[in-house]
Amino acid sequence: MDGHDVGAAAADNPLVPITVTATDQNNKINWLNIFYSIEWAVFAGFAVFLWWRLVADDYRREQDALYDLEHPDDDDDETP
């Protein structure tokens, strides 16, 4: 960076302290946690679907290869 200080101490404006407080405990429902749990459930379902799809496609490819080995003369039987 050509020897320039890019840290917080190099800022022209002084840093302003902030106060972080605890969340409101009077709220009975934490919607953010509920949406996160729904998001992870959808993600898990999608991951299971992708796994199933990969396994099914691999099985179909194996079955197609076995069929081709068992019936080698079925490729171009019908000639016009």
C-alpha atoms as a PDB file:
ATOM      1  CA  MET A   1       0.000   0.000   0.000  1.00  0.00           C
ATOM      2  CA  ASP A   2       2.954   2.318  -0.605  1.00  0.00           C
ATOM      3  CA  GLY A   3       3.644   2.705   3.131  1.00  0.00           C
ATOM      4  CA  HIS A   4       0.409   4.601   3.924  1.00  0.00           C
ATOM      5  CA  ASP A   5      -1.395   3.922   7.181  1.00  0.00           C
ATOM      6  CA  VAL A   6      -4.900   2.684   6.435  1.00  0.00           C
ATOM      7  CA  GLY A   7      -5.909   1.745   9.983  1.00  0.00           C
ATOM      8  CA  ALA A   8      -8.500   3.363  12.221  1.00  0.00           C
ATOM      9  CA  ALA A   9      -5.896   5.744  13.657  1.00  0.00           C
ATOM     10  CA  ALA A  10      -5.332   7.224  10.186  1.00  0.00           C
ATOM     11  CA  ALA A  11      -8.968   8.375   9.814  1.00  0.00           C
ATOM     12  CA  ASP A  12      -9.528  12.119   9.633  1.00  0.00           C
ATOM     13  CA  ASN A  13     -12.614  11.989  11.842  1.00  0.00           C
ATOM     14  CA  PRO A  14     -12.301  10.811  15.431  1.00  0.00           C
ATOM     15  CA  LEU A  15     -13.947   7.503  16.233  1.00  0.00           C
ATOM     16  CA  VAL A  16     -17.268   7.786  18.018  1.00  0.00           C
ATOM     17  CA  PRO A  17     -17.960   5.248  20.764  1.00  0.00           C
ATOM     18  CA  ILE A  18     -21.213   3.342  20.500  1.00  0.00           C
ATOM     19  CA  THR A  19     -23.277   1.669  23.178  1.00  0.00           C
ATOM     20  CA  VAL A  20     -24.546  -1.834  22.536  1.00  0.00           C
ATOM     21  CA  THR A  21     -27.450  -2.922  24.695  1.00  0.00           C
ATOM     22  CA  ALA A  22     -29.175  -6.227  25.174  1.00  0.00           C
ATOM     23  CA  THR A  23     -32.154  -7.081  23.013  1.00  0.00           C
ATOM     24  CA  ASP A  24     -35.657  -6.374  24.270  1.00  0.00           C
ATOM     25  CA  GLN A  25     -36.695  -9.334  26.420  1.00  0.00           C
ATOM     26  CA  ASN A  26     -40.361  -8.260  26.471  1.00  0.00           C
ATOM     27  CA  ASN A  27     -40.842  -9.369  22.882  1.00  0.00           C
ATOM     28  CA  LYS A  28     -42.226 -12.906  23.046  1.00  0.00           C
ATOM     29  CA  ILE A  29     -41.286 -13.961  19.494  1.00  0.00           C
ATOM     30  CA  ASN A  30     -37.818 -13.600  18.021  1.00  0.00           C
ATOM     31  CA  TRP A  31     -38.667 -13.463  14.317  1.00  0.00           C
ATOM     32  CA  LEU A  32     -35.044 -13.396  13.214  1.00  0.00           C
ATOM     33  CA  ASN A  33     -34.381 -16.796  14.802  1.00  0.00           C
ATOM     34  CA  ILE A  34     -37.569 -18.205  13.307  1.00  0.00           C
ATOM     35  CA  PHE A  35     -36.592 -17.062   9.809  1.00  0.00           C
ATOM     36  CA  TYR A  36     -33.077 -18.469  10.269  1.00  0.00           C
ATOM     37  CA  SER A  37     -34.500 -21.842  11.282  1.00  0.00           C
ATOM     38  CA  ILE A  38     -36.809 -21.853   8.239  1.00  0.00           C
ATOM     39  CA  GLU A  39     -33.858 -20.922   6.022  1.00  0.00           C
ATOM     40  CA  TRP A  40     -31.752 -23.802   7.353  1.00  0.00           C
ATOM     41  CA  ALA A  41     -34.636 -26.261   7.008  1.00  0.00           C
ATOM     42  CA  VAL A  42     -35.067 -25.253   3.346  1.00  0.00           C
ATOM     43  CA  PHE A  43     -31.310 -25.504   2.824  1.00  0.00           C
ATOM     44  CA  ALA A  44     -31.239 -28.984   4.367  1.00  0.00           C
ATOM     45  CA  GLY A  45     -34.144 -30.113   2.181  1.00  0.00           C
ATOM     46  CA  PHE A  46     -32.393 -28.804  -0.922  1.00  0.00           C
ATOM     47  CA  ALA A  47     -29.175 -30.600   0.053  1.00  0.00           C
ATOM     48  CA  VAL A  48     -31.058 -33.892   0.491  1.00  0.00           C
ATOM     49  CA  PHE A  49     -32.773 -33.385  -2.870  1.00  0.00           C
ATOM     50  CA  LEU A  50     -29.430 -32.741  -4.608  1.00  0.00           C
ATOM     51  CA  TRP A  51     -27.901 -35.829  -2.983  1.00  0.00           C
ATOM     52  CA  TRP A  52     -30.872 -37.958  -4.062  1.00  0.00           C
ATOM     53  CA  ARG A  53     -30.691 -36.559  -7.584  1.00  0.00           C
ATOM     54  CA  LEU A  54     -26.961 -37.325  -7.902  1.00  0.00           C
ATOM     55  CA  VAL A  55     -27.456 -40.877  -6.626  1.00  0.00           C
ATOM     56  CA  ALA A  56     -30.437 -41.464  -8.944  1.00  0.00           C
ATOM     57  CA  ASP A  57     -28.566 -40.111 -11.986  1.00  0.00           C
ATOM     58  CA  ASP A  58     -25.554 -42.318 -11.220  1.00  0.00           C
ATOM     59  CA  TYR A  59     -27.822 -45.365 -10.847  1.00  0.00           C
ATOM     60  CA  ARG A  60     -29.523 -44.619 -14.176  1.00  0.00           C
ATOM     61  CA  ARG A  61     -26.151 -44.270 -15.903  1.00  0.00           C
ATOM     62  CA  GLU A  62     -25.044 -47.624 -14.500  1.00  0.00           C
ATOM     63  CA  GLN A  63     -28.286 -49.246 -15.643  1.00  0.00           C
ATOM     64  CA  ASP A  64     -27.909 -47.763 -19.130  1.00  0.00           C
ATOM     65  CA  ALA A  65     -24.336 -49.048 -19.325  1.00  0.00           C
ATOM     66  CA  LEU A  66     -25.423 -52.519 -18.219  1.00  0.00           C
ATOM     67  CA  TYR A  67     -28.228 -52.558 -20.783  1.00  0.00           C
ATOM     68  CA  ASP A  68     -25.777 -51.584 -23.520  1.00  0.00           C
ATOM     69  CA  LEU A  69     -23.431 -54.416 -22.483  1.00  0.00           C
ATOM     70  CA  GLU A  70     -26.256 -56.971 -22.482  1.00  0.00           C
ATOM     71  CA  HIS A  71     -27.734 -55.822 -25.807  1.00  0.00           C
ATOM     72  CA  PRO A  72     -24.825 -54.706 -28.010  1.00  0.00           C
ATOM     73  CA  ASP A  73     -26.713 -55.295 -31.284  1.00  0.00           C
ATOM     74  CA  ASP A  74     -29.694 -53.072 -30.423  1.00  0.00           C
ATOM     75  CA  ASP A  75     -27.939 -49.838 -31.424  1.00  0.00           C
ATOM     76  CA  ASP A  76     -28.792 -49.635 -35.145  1.00  0.00           C
ATOM     77  CA  ASP A  77     -30.974 -52.643 -35.984  1.00  0.00           C
ATOM     78  CA  GLU A  78     -33.399 -50.768 -38.178  1.00  0.00           C
ATOM     79  CA  THR A  79     -31.892 -49.480 -41.414  1.00  0.00           C
ATOM     80  CA  PRO A  80     -34.128 -47.600 -43.854  1.00  0.00           C
END
